[in-house]
């Protein structure tokens, strides 16, 4: 079970928190008692991330491109 840490505590003790994550611990960050994020060691997710990337690229290769028409540079940016 991941340890729960408030957002305020995580902010104050971020360096310590990262050291513990590097050691393999997992933390759930809470805001006003509600879970909002999870901090996990990155090395444990490499296989999952690679499988997800492979699946995504396979799906994208199978999709046809659409004609979206022409646009100006200004239309690409919201102001």
N, C-alpha and C. Protein backbone atom coordinates (compact mmCIF):
# COMPACT_ATOMS: atom_id res chain seq x y z
N UNK A 1 0.85 -1.19 0.00
CA UNK A 1 0.00 0.00 0.00
C UNK A 1 0.89 1.24 0.00
N UNK A 2 0.70 2.15 -0.98
CA UNK A 2 1.51 3.36 -1.03
C UNK A 2 1.24 4.26 0.17
N UNK A 3 2.26 4.96 0.61
CA UNK A 3 2.11 5.92 1.70
C UNK A 3 1.44 7.18 1.17
N UNK A 4 0.53 7.74 1.93
CA UNK A 4 -0.14 8.98 1.55
C UNK A 4 0.64 10.17 2.11
N UNK A 5 0.83 11.19 1.28
CA UNK A 5 1.55 12.39 1.67
C UNK A 5 0.74 13.59 1.17
N UNK A 6 0.53 14.56 2.05
CA UNK A 6 -0.21 15.75 1.61
C UNK A 6 0.64 16.54 0.62
N UNK A 7 -0.02 17.29 -0.23
CA UNK A 7 0.69 18.10 -1.22
C UNK A 7 1.61 19.11 -0.53
N UNK A 8 1.17 19.67 0.57
CA UNK A 8 1.99 20.64 1.31
C UNK A 8 3.26 19.96 1.84
N UNK A 9 3.12 18.77 2.44
CA UNK A 9 4.28 18.05 2.95
C UNK A 9 5.21 17.62 1.82
N UNK A 10 4.63 17.17 0.72
CA UNK A 10 5.44 16.76 -0.43
C UNK A 10 6.24 17.95 -0.96
N UNK A 11 5.63 19.11 -0.97
CA UNK A 11 6.32 20.31 -1.44
C UNK A 11 7.48 20.67 -0.51
N UNK A 12 7.23 20.62 0.80
CA UNK A 12 8.28 20.97 1.77
C UNK A 12 9.42 19.97 1.78
N UNK A 13 9.12 18.71 1.57
CA UNK A 13 10.11 17.64 1.71
C UNK A 13 10.37 16.93 0.38
N UNK A 14 10.32 17.65 -0.73
CA UNK A 14 10.38 17.01 -2.04
C UNK A 14 11.68 16.23 -2.26
N UNK A 15 12.80 16.77 -1.86
CA UNK A 15 14.07 16.08 -2.06
C UNK A 15 14.10 14.76 -1.30
N UNK A 16 13.63 14.78 -0.05
CA UNK A 16 13.57 13.55 0.75
C UNK A 16 12.62 12.54 0.12
N UNK A 17 11.50 13.04 -0.37
CA UNK A 17 10.51 12.18 -1.01
C UNK A 17 11.11 11.50 -2.24
N UNK A 18 11.83 12.25 -3.06
CA UNK A 18 12.45 11.67 -4.25
C UNK A 18 13.51 10.64 -3.89
N UNK A 19 14.27 10.88 -2.84
CA UNK A 19 15.26 9.87 -2.41
C UNK A 19 14.57 8.56 -2.05
N UNK A 20 13.44 8.66 -1.36
CA UNK A 20 12.71 7.45 -0.97
C UNK A 20 12.10 6.75 -2.18
N UNK A 21 11.64 7.53 -3.16
CA UNK A 21 11.11 6.95 -4.40
C UNK A 21 12.23 6.23 -5.13
N UNK A 22 13.41 6.84 -5.17
CA UNK A 22 14.57 6.22 -5.81
C UNK A 22 14.89 4.87 -5.17
N UNK A 23 14.58 4.73 -3.89
CA UNK A 23 14.82 3.48 -3.17
C UNK A 23 13.70 2.47 -3.40
N UNK A 24 12.67 2.86 -4.15
CA UNK A 24 11.62 1.91 -4.50
C UNK A 24 10.27 2.16 -3.86
N UNK A 25 10.16 3.18 -3.02
CA UNK A 25 8.89 3.46 -2.37
C UNK A 25 7.93 4.17 -3.33
N UNK A 26 6.64 4.00 -3.06
CA UNK A 26 5.58 4.62 -3.85
C UNK A 26 4.77 5.52 -2.92
N UNK A 27 4.42 6.71 -3.39
CA UNK A 27 3.64 7.65 -2.59
C UNK A 27 2.42 8.12 -3.36
N UNK A 28 1.33 8.32 -2.63
CA UNK A 28 0.13 8.95 -3.18
C UNK A 28 0.07 10.35 -2.59
N UNK A 29 -0.02 11.34 -3.45
CA UNK A 29 -0.09 12.73 -3.02
C UNK A 29 -1.56 13.11 -2.88
N UNK A 30 -1.89 13.71 -1.75
CA UNK A 30 -3.28 14.09 -1.50
C UNK A 30 -3.41 15.60 -1.40
N UNK A 31 -4.58 16.08 -1.76
CA UNK A 31 -4.93 17.49 -1.61
C UNK A 31 -6.30 17.54 -0.97
N UNK A 32 -6.38 18.13 0.20
CA UNK A 32 -7.63 18.19 0.95
C UNK A 32 -8.21 16.81 1.17
N UNK A 33 -7.34 15.84 1.44
CA UNK A 33 -7.77 14.48 1.74
C UNK A 33 -8.08 13.61 0.54
N UNK A 34 -8.00 14.15 -0.66
CA UNK A 34 -8.31 13.39 -1.87
C UNK A 34 -7.01 13.05 -2.61
N UNK A 35 -6.87 11.82 -3.05
CA UNK A 35 -5.70 11.41 -3.82
C UNK A 35 -5.72 12.12 -5.18
N UNK A 36 -4.59 12.75 -5.53
CA UNK A 36 -4.52 13.48 -6.80
C UNK A 36 -3.37 13.03 -7.69
N UNK A 37 -2.37 12.36 -7.12
CA UNK A 37 -1.22 11.94 -7.92
C UNK A 37 -0.52 10.78 -7.22
N UNK A 38 0.25 10.05 -8.02
CA UNK A 38 1.06 8.97 -7.48
C UNK A 38 2.48 9.16 -7.98
N UNK A 39 3.44 9.05 -7.07
CA UNK A 39 4.85 9.13 -7.44
C UNK A 39 5.43 7.74 -7.30
N UNK A 40 5.93 7.21 -8.42
CA UNK A 40 6.47 5.85 -8.45
C UNK A 40 7.86 5.87 -9.08
N UNK A 41 8.71 4.91 -8.73
CA UNK A 41 10.01 4.83 -9.38
C UNK A 41 9.84 4.58 -10.87
N UNK A 42 10.59 5.25 -11.68
CA UNK A 42 10.44 5.15 -13.13
C UNK A 42 10.92 3.81 -13.67
N UNK A 43 11.92 3.23 -13.07
CA UNK A 43 12.49 1.99 -13.61
C UNK A 43 11.51 0.84 -13.61
N UNK A 44 10.55 0.83 -12.70
CA UNK A 44 9.59 -0.25 -12.63
C UNK A 44 8.55 -0.23 -13.73
N UNK A 45 8.41 0.89 -14.41
CA UNK A 45 7.38 1.03 -15.43
C UNK A 45 7.92 0.90 -16.86
N UNK A 46 9.20 0.62 -17.02
CA UNK A 46 9.78 0.58 -18.36
C UNK A 46 9.10 -0.44 -19.27
N UNK A 47 8.82 -1.63 -18.78
CA UNK A 47 8.19 -2.66 -19.61
C UNK A 47 6.76 -2.27 -19.97
N UNK A 48 6.04 -1.71 -19.02
CA UNK A 48 4.66 -1.29 -19.27
C UNK A 48 4.65 -0.15 -20.28
N UNK A 49 5.56 0.81 -20.11
CA UNK A 49 5.63 1.95 -21.04
C UNK A 49 5.98 1.49 -22.44
N UNK A 50 6.92 0.57 -22.57
CA UNK A 50 7.32 0.07 -23.88
C UNK A 50 6.17 -0.67 -24.56
N UNK A 51 5.43 -1.46 -23.80
CA UNK A 51 4.29 -2.19 -24.37
C UNK A 51 3.20 -1.21 -24.81
N UNK A 52 2.96 -0.18 -24.00
CA UNK A 52 1.95 0.82 -24.36
C UNK A 52 2.36 1.58 -25.62
N UNK A 53 3.64 1.93 -25.73
CA UNK A 53 4.13 2.64 -26.91
C UNK A 53 3.97 1.78 -28.15
N UNK A 54 4.33 0.50 -28.05
CA UNK A 54 4.20 -0.42 -29.18
C UNK A 54 2.75 -0.54 -29.63
N UNK A 55 1.85 -0.68 -28.66
CA UNK A 55 0.43 -0.78 -28.97
C UNK A 55 -0.09 0.48 -29.63
N UNK A 56 0.32 1.64 -29.12
CA UNK A 56 -0.12 2.91 -29.69
C UNK A 56 0.36 3.06 -31.13
N UNK A 57 1.65 2.81 -31.38
CA UNK A 57 2.17 2.95 -32.74
C UNK A 57 1.51 1.97 -33.70
N UNK A 58 1.24 0.77 -33.24
CA UNK A 58 0.56 -0.21 -34.09
C UNK A 58 -0.83 0.29 -34.47
N UNK A 59 -1.52 0.86 -33.50
CA UNK A 59 -2.86 1.39 -33.76
C UNK A 59 -2.80 2.58 -34.71
N UNK A 60 -1.84 3.48 -34.49
CA UNK A 60 -1.72 4.66 -35.35
C UNK A 60 -1.36 4.29 -36.78
N UNK A 61 -0.50 3.28 -36.97
CA UNK A 61 -0.14 2.85 -38.32
C UNK A 61 -1.36 2.31 -39.08
N UNK A 62 -2.32 1.76 -38.36
CA UNK A 62 -3.50 1.20 -38.99
C UNK A 62 -4.57 2.22 -39.32
N UNK A 63 -4.42 3.44 -38.84
CA UNK A 63 -5.42 4.47 -39.08
C UNK A 63 -5.09 5.27 -40.33
N UNK A 64 -6.12 5.66 -41.04
CA UNK A 64 -5.93 6.50 -42.22
C UNK A 64 -5.85 7.95 -41.80
N UNK A 65 -5.06 8.70 -42.54
CA UNK A 65 -4.98 10.14 -42.31
C UNK A 65 -6.20 10.83 -42.89
N UNK A 66 -6.57 11.94 -42.32
CA UNK A 66 -7.72 12.69 -42.81
C UNK A 66 -7.29 14.01 -43.41
N UNK A 67 -8.14 14.56 -44.25
CA UNK A 67 -7.87 15.85 -44.84
C UNK A 67 -8.48 16.92 -43.95
N UNK A 68 -7.64 17.70 -43.30
CA UNK A 68 -8.12 18.73 -42.39
C UNK A 68 -8.17 20.10 -43.05
N UNK A 69 -7.81 20.16 -44.31
CA UNK A 69 -7.87 21.42 -45.02
C UNK A 69 -6.65 22.28 -44.75
N UNK A 70 -6.70 23.51 -45.23
CA UNK A 70 -5.57 24.42 -45.04
C UNK A 70 -5.86 25.33 -43.85
N UNK A 71 -4.80 25.81 -43.23
CA UNK A 71 -4.94 26.76 -42.14
C UNK A 71 -3.76 27.72 -42.16
N UNK A 72 -3.95 28.86 -41.50
CA UNK A 72 -2.85 29.82 -41.41
C UNK A 72 -2.11 29.59 -40.10
N UNK A 73 -0.92 30.15 -40.03
CA UNK A 73 -0.12 30.01 -38.82
C UNK A 73 -0.86 30.57 -37.61
N UNK A 74 -1.55 31.70 -37.77
CA UNK A 74 -2.28 32.31 -36.66
C UNK A 74 -3.40 31.41 -36.15
N UNK A 75 -4.00 30.64 -37.03
CA UNK A 75 -5.09 29.76 -36.62
C UNK A 75 -4.60 28.59 -35.76
N UNK A 76 -3.32 28.30 -35.80
CA UNK A 76 -2.78 27.19 -35.02
C UNK A 76 -2.64 27.53 -33.54
N UNK A 77 -2.60 28.81 -33.21
CA UNK A 77 -2.34 29.23 -31.84
C UNK A 77 -3.56 29.93 -31.26
N UNK A 78 -3.95 29.49 -30.06
CA UNK A 78 -5.04 30.16 -29.35
C UNK A 78 -4.50 31.44 -28.73
N UNK A 79 -5.27 32.45 -28.76
CA UNK A 79 -4.86 33.71 -28.13
C UNK A 79 -5.82 34.11 -27.08
